[in-house]
Amino acid sequence: MLVSTKGIADISPTTKNEIAHLLEFVQNTTCKYERNGEMHAGSEAVEHIQKKYDYFQDKVKSTEDFIRYSATKSELSGKHYRIHCKGEAVQNSSSWLLKELNAYRQSTH
């Protein structure tokens, strides 16, 4: 599945690229994405994140906003999304994505 970055005309090209990278990162991960107690593969997680992004796109002005609104926690339950990677401690999705964002920024500058 190709990830979509539709509807993001009001943000910078750099932010668009960063968001596209994070969507691809989630899509291709071997880690499991926990949402409201259920485990999901990256391909399922990216579909959910994309839907939330489409809904919140008017609030997203930065890549950090994208993470905050689209990939941090359930709006209904308030539970944080958690990432389960083999051999690593479970972590919040926002921390996992911010770490990847920082690595991506360092590799592109």
PDB file of N, CA and C in Angstrom:
ATOM      1  N   MET A   1       0.841  -1.183   0.000  1.00  0.00           N
ATOM      2  CA  MET A   1       0.000   0.000   0.000  1.00  0.00           C
ATOM      3  C   MET A   1       0.884   1.244   0.000  1.00  0.00           C
ATOM      4  N   LEU A   2       0.593   2.163  -0.855  1.00  0.00           N
ATOM      5  CA  LEU A   2       1.269   3.451  -0.844  1.00  0.00           C
ATOM      6  C   LEU A   2       0.583   4.332   0.172  1.00  0.00           C
ATOM      7  N   VAL A   3       1.363   5.093   0.922  1.00  0.00           N
ATOM      8  CA  VAL A   3       0.769   5.975   1.905  1.00  0.00           C
ATOM      9  C   VAL A   3       0.393   7.283   1.240  1.00  0.00           C
ATOM     10  N   SER A   4      -0.694   7.846   1.700  1.00  0.00           N
ATOM     11  CA  SER A   4      -1.215   9.072   1.110  1.00  0.00           C
ATOM     12  C   SER A   4      -0.875  10.262   1.985  1.00  0.00           C
ATOM     13  N   THR A   5      -0.535  11.359   1.363  1.00  0.00           N
ATOM     14  CA  THR A   5      -0.353  12.608   2.085  1.00  0.00           C
ATOM     15  C   THR A   5      -1.283  13.652   1.492  1.00  0.00           C
ATOM     16  N   LYS A   6      -2.478  13.203   1.104  1.00  0.00           N
ATOM     17  CA  LYS A   6      -3.461  14.115   0.510  1.00  0.00           C
ATOM     18  C   LYS A   6      -3.919  15.138   1.539  1.00  0.00           C
ATOM     19  N   GLY A   7      -4.356  16.264   1.058  1.00  0.00           N
ATOM     20  CA  GLY A   7      -4.937  17.269   1.933  1.00  0.00           C
ATOM     21  C   GLY A   7      -3.945  17.998   2.807  1.00  0.00           C
ATOM     22  N   ILE A   8      -2.686  18.035   2.425  1.00  0.00           N
ATOM     23  CA  ILE A   8      -1.716  18.695   3.282  1.00  0.00           C
ATOM     24  C   ILE A   8      -1.077  19.895   2.581  1.00  0.00           C
ATOM     25  N   ALA A   9      -1.886  20.609   1.845  1.00  0.00           N
ATOM     26  CA  ALA A   9      -1.382  21.733   1.054  1.00  0.00           C
ATOM     27  C   ALA A   9      -0.893  22.896   1.909  1.00  0.00           C
ATOM     28  N   ASP A  10      -1.372  23.010   3.154  1.00  0.00           N
ATOM     29  CA  ASP A  10      -1.039  24.156   3.986  1.00  0.00           C
ATOM     30  C   ASP A  10       0.227  23.973   4.816  1.00  0.00           C
ATOM     31  N   ILE A  11       0.975  22.919   4.584  1.00  0.00           N
ATOM     32  CA  ILE A  11       2.196  22.708   5.345  1.00  0.00           C
ATOM     33  C   ILE A  11       3.395  22.711   4.400  1.00  0.00           C
ATOM     34  N   SER A  12       4.559  22.898   4.986  1.00  0.00           N
ATOM     35  CA  SER A  12       5.777  23.024   4.173  1.00  0.00           C
ATOM     36  C   SER A  12       6.135  21.702   3.497  1.00  0.00           C
ATOM     37  N   PRO A  13       6.889  21.793   2.413  1.00  0.00           N
ATOM     38  CA  PRO A  13       7.364  20.567   1.756  1.00  0.00           C
ATOM     39  C   PRO A  13       8.178  19.676   2.702  1.00  0.00           C
ATOM     40  N   THR A  14       8.958  20.284   3.579  1.00  0.00           N
ATOM     41  CA  THR A  14       9.740  19.506   4.543  1.00  0.00           C
ATOM     42  C   THR A  14       8.824  18.714   5.459  1.00  0.00           C
ATOM     43  N   THR A  15       7.780  19.359   5.963  1.00  0.00           N
ATOM     44  CA  THR A  15       6.828  18.676   6.839  1.00  0.00           C
ATOM     45  C   THR A  15       6.111  17.564   6.084  1.00  0.00           C
ATOM     46  N   LYS A  16       5.729  17.828   4.850  1.00  0.00           N
ATOM     47  CA  LYS A  16       5.085  16.789   4.035  1.00  0.00           C
ATOM     48  C   LYS A  16       5.991  15.572   3.901  1.00  0.00           C
ATOM     49  N   ASN A  17       7.267  15.817   3.627  1.00  0.00           N
ATOM     50  CA  ASN A  17       8.226  14.719   3.482  1.00  0.00           C
ATOM     51  C   ASN A  17       8.408  13.953   4.785  1.00  0.00           C
ATOM     52  N   GLU A  18       8.457  14.682   5.896  1.00  0.00           N
ATOM     53  CA  GLU A  18       8.616  14.028   7.195  1.00  0.00           C
ATOM     54  C   GLU A  18       7.407  13.160   7.526  1.00  0.00           C
ATOM     55  N   ILE A  19       6.217  13.669   7.278  1.00  0.00           N
ATOM     56  CA  ILE A  19       4.997  12.899   7.536  1.00  0.00           C
ATOM     57  C   ILE A  19       4.954  11.666   6.642  1.00  0.00           C
ATOM     58  N   ALA A  20       5.283  11.840   5.383  1.00  0.00           N
ATOM     59  CA  ALA A  20       5.309  10.695   4.463  1.00  0.00           C
ATOM     60  C   ALA A  20       6.316   9.648   4.948  1.00  0.00           C
ATOM     61  N   HIS A  21       7.460  10.108   5.431  1.00  0.00           N
ATOM     62  CA  HIS A  21       8.463   9.179   5.954  1.00  0.00           C
ATOM     63  C   HIS A  21       7.916   8.412   7.159  1.00  0.00           C
ATOM     64  N   LEU A  22       7.273   9.113   8.087  1.00  0.00           N
ATOM     65  CA  LEU A  22       6.744   8.437   9.277  1.00  0.00           C
ATOM     66  C   LEU A  22       5.645   7.440   8.917  1.00  0.00           C
ATOM     67  N   LEU A  23       4.796   7.787   7.972  1.00  0.00           N
ATOM     68  CA  LEU A  23       3.762   6.844   7.530  1.00  0.00           C
ATOM     69  C   LEU A  23       4.406   5.597   6.924  1.00  0.00           C
ATOM     70  N   GLU A  24       5.438   5.795   6.135  1.00  0.00           N
ATOM     71  CA  GLU A  24       6.144   4.656   5.545  1.00  0.00           C
ATOM     72  C   GLU A  24       6.856   3.838   6.623  1.00  0.00           C
ATOM     73  N   PHE A  25       7.414   4.518   7.606  1.00  0.00           N
ATOM     74  CA  PHE A  25       8.088   3.860   8.730  1.00  0.00           C
ATOM     75  C   PHE A  25       7.112   2.950   9.474  1.00  0.00           C
ATOM     76  N   VAL A  26       5.923   3.449   9.776  1.00  0.00           N
ATOM     77  CA  VAL A  26       4.900   2.636  10.448  1.00  0.00           C
ATOM     78  C   VAL A  26       4.477   1.487   9.540  1.00  0.00           C
ATOM     79  N   GLN A  27       4.230   1.789   8.286  1.00  0.00           N
ATOM     80  CA  GLN A  27       3.801   0.784   7.304  1.00  0.00           C
ATOM     81  C   GLN A  27       4.761  -0.405   7.266  1.00  0.00           C
ATOM     82  N   ASN A  28       6.050  -0.126   7.314  1.00  0.00           N
ATOM     83  CA  ASN A  28       7.066  -1.154   7.111  1.00  0.00           C
ATOM     84  C   ASN A  28       7.628  -1.761   8.390  1.00  0.00           C
ATOM     85  N   THR A  29       7.163  -1.328   9.543  1.00  0.00           N
ATOM     86  CA  THR A  29       7.718  -1.835  10.794  1.00  0.00           C
ATOM     87  C   THR A  29       7.368  -3.304  11.020  1.00  0.00           C
ATOM     88  N   THR A  30       8.259  -3.983  11.710  1.00  0.00           N
ATOM     89  CA  THR A  30       7.958  -5.341  12.162  1.00  0.00           C
ATOM     90  C   THR A  30       7.415  -5.315  13.585  1.00  0.00           C
ATOM     91  N   CYS A  31       7.408  -4.139  14.193  1.00  0.00           N
ATOM     92  CA  CYS A  31       6.851  -3.977  15.534  1.00  0.00           C
ATOM     93  C   CYS A  31       5.327  -4.064  15.463  1.00  0.00           C
ATOM     94  N   LYS A  32       4.724  -4.343  16.598  1.00  0.00           N
ATOM     95  CA  LYS A  32       3.265  -4.387  16.690  1.00  0.00           C
ATOM     96  C   LYS A  32       2.775  -3.092  17.325  1.00  0.00           C
ATOM     97  N   TYR A  33       1.692  -2.593  16.804  1.00  0.00           N
ATOM     98  CA  TYR A  33       1.089  -1.341  17.241  1.00  0.00           C
ATOM     99  C   TYR A  33      -0.120  -1.693  18.098  1.00  0.00           C
ATOM    100  N   GLU A  34      -0.097  -1.325  19.369  1.00  0.00           N
ATOM    101  CA  GLU A  34      -1.212  -1.620  20.270  1.00  0.00           C
ATOM    102  C   GLU A  34      -2.149  -0.422  20.340  1.00  0.00           C
ATOM    103  N   ARG A  35      -3.393  -0.673  20.003  1.00  0.00           N
ATOM    104  CA  ARG A  35      -4.410   0.377  20.040  1.00  0.00           C
ATOM    105  C   ARG A  35      -5.609  -0.158  20.809  1.00  0.00           C
ATOM    106  N   ASN A  36      -5.912   0.465  21.950  1.00  0.00           N
ATOM    107  CA  ASN A  36      -7.035   0.061  22.804  1.00  0.00           C
ATOM    108  C   ASN A  36      -6.984  -1.425  23.149  1.00  0.00           C
ATOM    109  N   GLY A  37      -5.783  -1.911  23.459  1.00  0.00           N
ATOM    110  CA  GLY A  37      -5.612  -3.289  23.890  1.00  0.00           C
ATOM    111  C   GLY A  37      -5.517  -4.312  22.777  1.00  0.00           C
ATOM    112  N   GLU A  38      -5.671  -3.896  21.537  1.00  0.00           N
ATOM    113  CA  GLU A  38      -5.577  -4.821  20.400  1.00  0.00           C
ATOM    114  C   GLU A  38      -4.287  -4.555  19.633  1.00  0.00           C
ATOM    115  N   MET A  39      -3.655  -5.643  19.197  1.00  0.00           N
ATOM    116  CA  MET A  39      -2.392  -5.537  18.467  1.00  0.00           C
ATOM    117  C   MET A  39      -2.651  -5.459  16.965  1.00  0.00           C
ATOM    118  N   HIS A  40      -1.879  -4.615  16.301  1.00  0.00           N
ATOM    119  CA  HIS A  40      -2.032  -4.406  14.860  1.00  0.00           C
ATOM    120  C   HIS A  40      -0.667  -4.407  14.187  1.00  0.00           C
ATOM    121  N   ALA A  41      -0.635  -4.929  12.975  1.00  0.00           N
ATOM    122  CA  ALA A  41       0.562  -4.839  12.137  1.00  0.00           C
ATOM    123  C   ALA A  41       0.711  -3.396  11.653  1.00  0.00           C
ATOM    124  N   GLY A  42       1.894  -3.070  11.181  1.00  0.00           N
ATOM    125  CA  GLY A  42       2.143  -1.719  10.680  1.00  0.00           C
ATOM    126  C   GLY A  42       1.183  -1.296   9.591  1.00  0.00           C
ATOM    127  N   SER A  43       0.839  -2.221   8.700  1.00  0.00           N
ATOM    128  CA  SER A  43      -0.073  -1.884   7.600  1.00  0.00           C
ATOM    129  C   SER A  43      -1.453  -1.491   8.115  1.00  0.00           C
ATOM    130  N   GLU A  44      -1.905  -2.142   9.180  1.00  0.00           N
ATOM    131  CA  GLU A  44      -3.200  -1.783   9.776  1.00  0.00           C
ATOM    132  C   GLU A  44      -3.089  -0.466  10.533  1.00  0.00           C
ATOM    133  N   ALA A  45      -1.985  -0.304  11.239  1.00  0.00           N
ATOM    134  CA  ALA A  45      -1.784   0.921  12.015  1.00  0.00           C
ATOM    135  C   ALA A  45      -1.727   2.146  11.118  1.00  0.00           C
ATOM    136  N   VAL A  46      -1.035   2.043   9.987  1.00  0.00           N
ATOM    137  CA  VAL A  46      -0.896   3.198   9.107  1.00  0.00           C
ATOM    138  C   VAL A  46      -2.249   3.599   8.518  1.00  0.00           C
ATOM    139  N   GLU A  47      -3.111   2.641   8.263  1.00  0.00           N
ATOM    140  CA  GLU A  47      -4.454   2.973   7.769  1.00  0.00           C
ATOM    141  C   GLU A  47      -5.216   3.796   8.799  1.00  0.00           C
ATOM    142  N   HIS A  48      -5.123   3.398  10.063  1.00  0.00           N
ATOM    143  CA  HIS A  48      -5.806   4.125  11.136  1.00  0.00           C
ATOM    144  C   HIS A  48      -5.210   5.530  11.309  1.00  0.00           C
ATOM    145  N   ILE A  49      -3.894   5.605  11.310  1.00  0.00           N
ATOM    146  CA  ILE A  49      -3.219   6.897  11.456  1.00  0.00           C
ATOM    147  C   ILE A  49      -3.594   7.817  10.301  1.00  0.00           C
ATOM    148  N   GLN A  50      -3.643   7.291   9.096  1.00  0.00           N
ATOM    149  CA  GLN A  50      -4.016   8.092   7.924  1.00  0.00           C
ATOM    150  C   GLN A  50      -5.436   8.632   8.065  1.00  0.00           C
ATOM    151  N   LYS A  51      -6.362   7.809   8.553  1.00  0.00           N
ATOM    152  CA  LYS A  51      -7.742   8.270   8.757  1.00  0.00           C
ATOM    153  C   LYS A  51      -7.791   9.397   9.779  1.00  0.00           C
ATOM    154  N   LYS A  52      -7.049   9.231  10.871  1.00  0.00           N
ATOM    155  CA  LYS A  52      -7.020  10.290  11.883  1.00  0.00           C
ATOM    156  C   LYS A  52      -6.376  11.550  11.319  1.00  0.00           C
ATOM    157  N   TYR A  53      -5.339  11.386  10.538  1.00  0.00           N
ATOM    158  CA  TYR A  53      -4.679  12.535   9.926  1.00  0.00           C
ATOM    159  C   TYR A  53      -5.632  13.268   8.991  1.00  0.00           C
ATOM    160  N   ASP A  54      -6.361  12.524   8.191  1.00  0.00           N
ATOM    161  CA  ASP A  54      -7.342  13.144   7.298  1.00  0.00           C
ATOM    162  C   ASP A  54      -8.350  13.954   8.102  1.00  0.00           C
ATOM    163  N   TYR A  55      -8.757  13.438   9.253  1.00  0.00           N
ATOM    164  CA  TYR A  55      -9.739  14.115  10.102  1.00  0.00           C
ATOM    165  C   TYR A  55      -9.144  15.376  10.746  1.00  0.00           C
ATOM    166  N   PHE A  56      -7.911  15.285  11.231  1.00  0.00           N
ATOM    167  CA  PHE A  56      -7.293  16.392  11.972  1.00  0.00           C
ATOM    168  C   PHE A  56      -6.388  17.281  11.118  1.00  0.00           C
ATOM    169  N   GLN A  57      -6.373  17.108   9.816  1.00  0.00           N
ATOM    170  CA  GLN A  57      -5.387  17.803   8.985  1.00  0.00           C
ATOM    171  C   GLN A  57      -5.412  19.323   9.124  1.00  0.00           C
ATOM    172  N   ASP A  58      -6.556  19.911   9.438  1.00  0.00           N
ATOM    173  CA  ASP A  58      -6.613  21.370   9.597  1.00  0.00           C
ATOM    174  C   ASP A  58      -5.830  21.848  10.819  1.00  0.00           C
ATOM    175  N   LYS A  59      -5.603  20.963  11.794  1.00  0.00           N
ATOM    176  CA  LYS A  59      -4.860  21.320  13.001  1.00  0.00           C
ATOM    177  C   LYS A  59      -3.366  21.046  12.864  1.00  0.00           C
ATOM    178  N   VAL A  60      -2.996  20.292  11.844  1.00  0.00           N
ATOM    179  CA  VAL A  60      -1.607  19.877  11.684  1.00  0.00           C
ATOM    180  C   VAL A  60      -0.818  20.943  10.921  1.00  0.00           C
ATOM    181  N   LYS A  61       0.127  21.556  11.620  1.00  0.00           N
ATOM    182  CA  LYS A  61       0.997  22.568  11.017  1.00  0.00           C
ATOM    183  C   LYS A  61       2.458  22.130  11.028  1.00  0.00           C
ATOM    184  N   SER A  62       2.749  21.051  11.766  1.00  0.00           N
ATOM    185  CA  SER A  62       4.121  20.547  11.869  1.00  0.00           C
ATOM    186  C   SER A  62       4.071  19.024  11.964  1.00  0.00           C
ATOM    187  N   THR A  63       5.218  18.405  11.835  1.00  0.00           N
ATOM    188  CA  THR A  63       5.267  16.951  11.964  1.00  0.00           C
ATOM    189  C   THR A  63       4.946  16.539  13.393  1.00  0.00           C
ATOM    190  N   GLU A  64       5.356  17.338  14.360  1.00  0.00           N
ATOM    191  CA  GLU A  64       5.020  17.050  15.753  1.00  0.00           C
ATOM    192  C   GLU A  64       3.510  17.109  15.969  1.00  0.00           C
ATOM    193  N   ASP A  65       2.826  18.050  15.306  1.00  0.00           N
ATOM    194  CA  ASP A  65       1.351  18.093  15.363  1.00  0.00           C
ATOM    195  C   ASP A  65       0.754  16.818  14.780  1.00  0.00           C
ATOM    196  N   PHE A  66       1.314  16.360  13.662  1.00  0.00           N
ATOM    197  CA  PHE A  66       0.848  15.116  13.050  1.00  0.00           C
ATOM    198  C   PHE A  66       0.915  13.970  14.056  1.00  0.00           C
ATOM    199  N   ILE A  67       2.048  13.851  14.737  1.00  0.00           N
ATOM    200  CA  ILE A  67       2.197  12.784  15.736  1.00  0.00           C
ATOM    201  C   ILE A  67       1.183  12.975  16.853  1.00  0.00           C
ATOM    202  N   ARG A  68       1.067  14.188  17.361  1.00  0.00           N
ATOM    203  CA  ARG A  68       0.164  14.481  18.478  1.00  0.00           C
ATOM    204  C   ARG A  68      -1.285  14.154  18.137  1.00  0.00           C
ATOM    205  N   TYR A  69      -1.756  14.586  16.995  1.00  0.00           N
ATOM    206  CA  TYR A  69      -3.169  14.419  16.648  1.00  0.00           C
ATOM    207  C   TYR A  69      -3.496  13.061  16.031  1.00  0.00           C
ATOM    208  N   SER A  70      -2.562  12.483  15.311  1.00  0.00           N
ATOM    209  CA  SER A  70      -2.878  11.293  14.516  1.00  0.00           C
ATOM    210  C   SER A  70      -2.331   9.988  15.064  1.00  0.00           C
ATOM    211  N   ALA A  71      -1.298  10.045  15.886  1.00  0.00           N
ATOM    212  CA  ALA A  71      -0.607   8.798  16.219  1.00  0.00           C
ATOM    213  C   ALA A  71      -0.207   8.670  17.684  1.00  0.00           C
ATOM    214  N   THR A  72      -0.904   9.355  18.584  1.00  0.00           N
ATOM    215  CA  THR A  72      -0.520   9.318  19.992  1.00  0.00           C
ATOM    216  C   THR A  72      -1.466   8.509  20.863  1.00  0.00           C
ATOM    217  N   LYS A  73      -2.769   8.784  20.732  1.00  0.00           N
ATOM    218  CA  LYS A  73      -3.720   8.093  21.611  1.00  0.00           C
ATOM    219  C   LYS A  73      -5.101   8.061  20.990  1.00  0.00           C
ATOM    220  N   SER A  74      -5.934   7.219  21.570  1.00  0.00           N
ATOM    221  CA  SER A  74      -7.318   7.098  21.132  1.00  0.00           C
ATOM    222  C   SER A  74      -8.111   8.308  21.604  1.00  0.00           C
ATOM    223  N   GLU A  75      -8.843   8.904  20.706  1.00  0.00           N
ATOM    224  CA  GLU A  75      -9.706  10.022  21.080  1.00  0.00           C
ATOM    225  C   GLU A  75     -10.870   9.546  21.942  1.00  0.00           C
ATOM    226  N   LEU A  76     -11.322   8.318  21.722  1.00  0.00           N
ATOM    227  CA  LEU A  76     -12.472   7.788  22.460  1.00  0.00           C
ATOM    228  C   LEU A  76     -12.102   7.307  23.851  1.00  0.00           C
ATOM    229  N   SER A  77     -11.076   6.480  23.965  1.00  0.00           N
ATOM    230  CA  SER A  77     -10.721   5.895  25.262  1.00  0.00           C
ATOM    231  C   SER A  77      -9.679   6.716  26.014  1.00  0.00           C
ATOM    232  N   GLY A  78      -8.910   7.533  25.297  1.00  0.00           N
ATOM    233  CA  GLY A  78      -7.826   8.281  25.916  1.00  0.00           C
ATOM    234  C   GLY A  78      -6.569   7.453  26.136  1.00  0.00           C
ATOM    235  N   LYS A  79      -6.605   6.168  25.759  1.00  0.00           N
ATOM    236  CA  LYS A  79      -5.445   5.293  25.939  1.00  0.00           C
ATOM    237  C   LYS A  79      -4.374   5.609  24.893  1.00  0.00           C
ATOM    238  N   HIS A  80      -3.147   5.663  25.382  1.00  0.00           N
ATOM    239  CA  HIS A  80      -2.021   5.905  24.475  1.00  0.00           C
ATOM    240  C   HIS A  80      -1.760   4.677  23.621  1.00  0.00           C
ATOM    241  N   TYR A  81      -1.396   4.916  22.367  1.00  0.00           N
ATOM    242  CA  TYR A  81      -0.969   3.834  21.492  1.00  0.00           C
ATOM    243  C   TYR A  81       0.415   3.389  21.962  1.00  0.00           C
ATOM    244  N   ARG A  82       0.644   2.075  21.949  1.00  0.00           N
ATOM    245  CA  ARG A  82       1.894   1.518  22.438  1.00  0.00           C
ATOM    246  C   ARG A  82       2.557   0.693  21.333  1.00  0.00           C
ATOM    247  N   ILE A  83       3.871   0.685  21.337  1.00  0.00           N
ATOM    248  CA  ILE A  83       4.644  -0.033  20.331  1.00  0.00           C
ATOM    249  C   ILE A  83       5.376  -1.193  21.002  1.00  0.00           C
ATOM    250  N   HIS A  84       5.210  -2.376  20.416  1.00  0.00           N
ATOM    251  CA  HIS A  84       5.851  -3.594  20.915  1.00  0.00           C
ATOM    252  C   HIS A  84       6.844  -4.074  19.858  1.00  0.00           C
ATOM    253  N   CYS A  85       8.128  -3.867  20.129  1.00  0.00           N
ATOM    254  CA  CYS A  85       9.183  -4.322  19.223  1.00  0.00           C
ATOM    255  C   CYS A  85       9.955  -5.448  19.911  1.00  0.00           C
ATOM    256  N   LYS A  86      10.221  -6.494  19.179  1.00  0.00           N
ATOM    257  CA  LYS A  86      10.921  -7.656  19.720  1.00  0.00           C
ATOM    258  C   LYS A  86      12.260  -7.237  20.322  1.00  0.00           C
ATOM    259  N   GLY A  87      12.487  -7.648  21.569  1.00  0.00           N
ATOM    260  CA  GLY A  87      13.749  -7.375  22.238  1.00  0.00           C
ATOM    261  C   GLY A  87      13.869  -5.982  22.824  1.00  0.00           C
ATOM    262  N   GLU A  88      12.788  -5.195  22.784  1.00  0.00           N
ATOM    263  CA  GLU A  88      12.817  -3.828  23.315  1.00  0.00           C
ATOM    264  C   GLU A  88      11.682  -3.631  24.312  1.00  0.00           C
ATOM    265  N   ALA A  89      11.839  -2.663  25.189  1.00  0.00           N
ATOM    266  CA  ALA A  89      10.769  -2.322  26.120  1.00  0.00           C
ATOM    267  C   ALA A  89       9.603  -1.716  25.345  1.00  0.00           C
ATOM    268  N   VAL A  90       8.397  -1.968  25.820  1.00  0.00           N
ATOM    269  CA  VAL A  90       7.208  -1.363  25.209  1.00  0.00           C
ATOM    270  C   VAL A  90       7.306   0.146  25.404  1.00  0.00           C
ATOM    271  N   GLN A  91       6.910   0.896  24.381  1.00  0.00           N
ATOM    272  CA  GLN A  91       6.984   2.356  24.472  1.00  0.00           C
ATOM    273  C   GLN A  91       5.758   3.007  23.856  1.00  0.00           C
ATOM    274  N   ASN A  92       5.513   4.239  24.262  1.00  0.00           N
ATOM    275  CA  ASN A  92       4.412   4.996  23.666  1.00  0.00           C
ATOM    276  C   ASN A  92       4.733   5.292  22.207  1.00  0.00           C
ATOM    277  N   SER A  93       3.698   5.282  21.391  1.00  0.00           N
ATOM    278  CA  SER A  93       3.842   5.561  19.964  1.00  0.00           C
ATOM    279  C   SER A  93       4.485   6.921  19.723  1.00  0.00           C
ATOM    280  N   SER A  94       4.079   7.915  20.492  1.00  0.00           N
ATOM    281  CA  SER A  94       4.621   9.261  20.262  1.00  0.00           C
ATOM    282  C   SER A  94       6.133   9.285  20.461  1.00  0.00           C
ATOM    283  N   SER A  95       6.635   8.625  21.495  1.00  0.00           N
ATOM    284  CA  SER A  95       8.085   8.580  21.733  1.00  0.00           C
ATOM    285  C   SER A  95       8.803   7.860  20.602  1.00  0.00           C
ATOM    286  N   TRP A  96       8.221   6.745  20.160  1.00  0.00           N
ATOM    287  CA  TRP A  96       8.792   5.937  19.079  1.00  0.00           C
ATOM    288  C   TRP A  96       8.878   6.751  17.793  1.00  0.00           C
ATOM    289  N   LEU A  97       7.809   7.473  17.477  1.00  0.00           N
ATOM    290  CA  LEU A  97       7.780   8.272  16.250  1.00  0.00           C
ATOM    291  C   LEU A  97       8.680   9.501  16.344  1.00  0.00           C
ATOM    292  N   LEU A  98       8.731  10.139  17.508  1.00  0.00           N
ATOM    293  CA  LEU A  98       9.621  11.292  17.667  1.00  0.00           C
ATOM    294  C   LEU A  98      11.085  10.874  17.537  1.00  0.00           C
ATOM    295  N   LYS A  99      11.424   9.708  18.056  1.00  0.00           N
ATOM    296  CA  LYS A  99      12.791   9.190  17.911  1.00  0.00           C
ATOM    297  C   LYS A  99      13.121   8.982  16.433  1.00  0.00           C
ATOM    298  N   GLU A 100      12.189   8.380  15.690  1.00  0.00           N
ATOM    299  CA  GLU A 100      12.406   8.169  14.258  1.00  0.00           C
ATOM    300  C   GLU A 100      12.462   9.502  13.511  1.00  0.00           C
ATOM    301  N   LEU A 101      11.617  10.450  13.882  1.00  0.00           N
ATOM    302  CA  LEU A 101      11.635  11.768  13.249  1.00  0.00           C
ATOM    303  C   LEU A 101      12.993  12.436  13.445  1.00  0.00           C
ATOM    304  N   ASN A 102      13.523  12.373  14.661  1.00  0.00           N
ATOM    305  CA  ASN A 102      14.836  12.971  14.923  1.00  0.00           C
ATOM    306  C   ASN A 102      15.925  12.297  14.097  1.00  0.00           C
ATOM    307  N   ALA A 103      15.876  10.971  13.987  1.00  0.00           N
ATOM    308  CA  ALA A 103      16.859  10.248  13.169  1.00  0.00           C
ATOM    309  C   ALA A 103      16.728  10.647  11.698  1.00  0.00           C
ATOM    310  N   TYR A 104      15.501  10.773  11.220  1.00  0.00           N
ATOM    311  CA  TYR A 104      15.264  11.172   9.829  1.00  0.00           C
ATOM    312  C   TYR A 104      15.795  12.585   9.576  1.00  0.00           C
ATOM    313  N   ARG A 105      15.524  13.490  10.498  1.00  0.00           N
ATOM    314  CA  ARG A 105      16.001  14.866  10.334  1.00  0.00           C
ATOM    315  C   ARG A 105      17.524  14.917  10.295  1.00  0.00           C
ATOM    316  N   GLN A 106      18.170  14.143  11.141  1.00  0.00           N
ATOM    317  CA  GLN A 106      19.639  14.130  11.147  1.00  0.00           C
ATOM    318  C   GLN A 106      20.194  13.559   9.849  1.00  0.00           C
ATOM    319  N   SER A 107      19.488  12.590   9.282  1.00  0.00           N
ATOM    320  CA  SER A 107      19.984  11.960   8.050  1.00  0.00           C
ATOM    321  C   SER A 107      19.741  12.818   6.809  1.00  0.00           C
ATOM    322  N   THR A 108      18.850  13.798   6.909  1.00  0.00           N
ATOM    323  CA  THR A 108      18.532  14.634   5.749  1.00  0.00           C
ATOM    324  C   THR A 108      19.142  16.028   5.838  1.00  0.00           C
ATOM    325  N   HIS A 109      19.861  16.309   6.885  1.00  0.00           N
ATOM    326  CA  HIS A 109      20.480  17.642   7.026  1.00  0.00           C
ATOM    327  C   HIS A 109      21.962  17.578   6.959  1.00  0.00           C
TER     328      HIS A 109
END
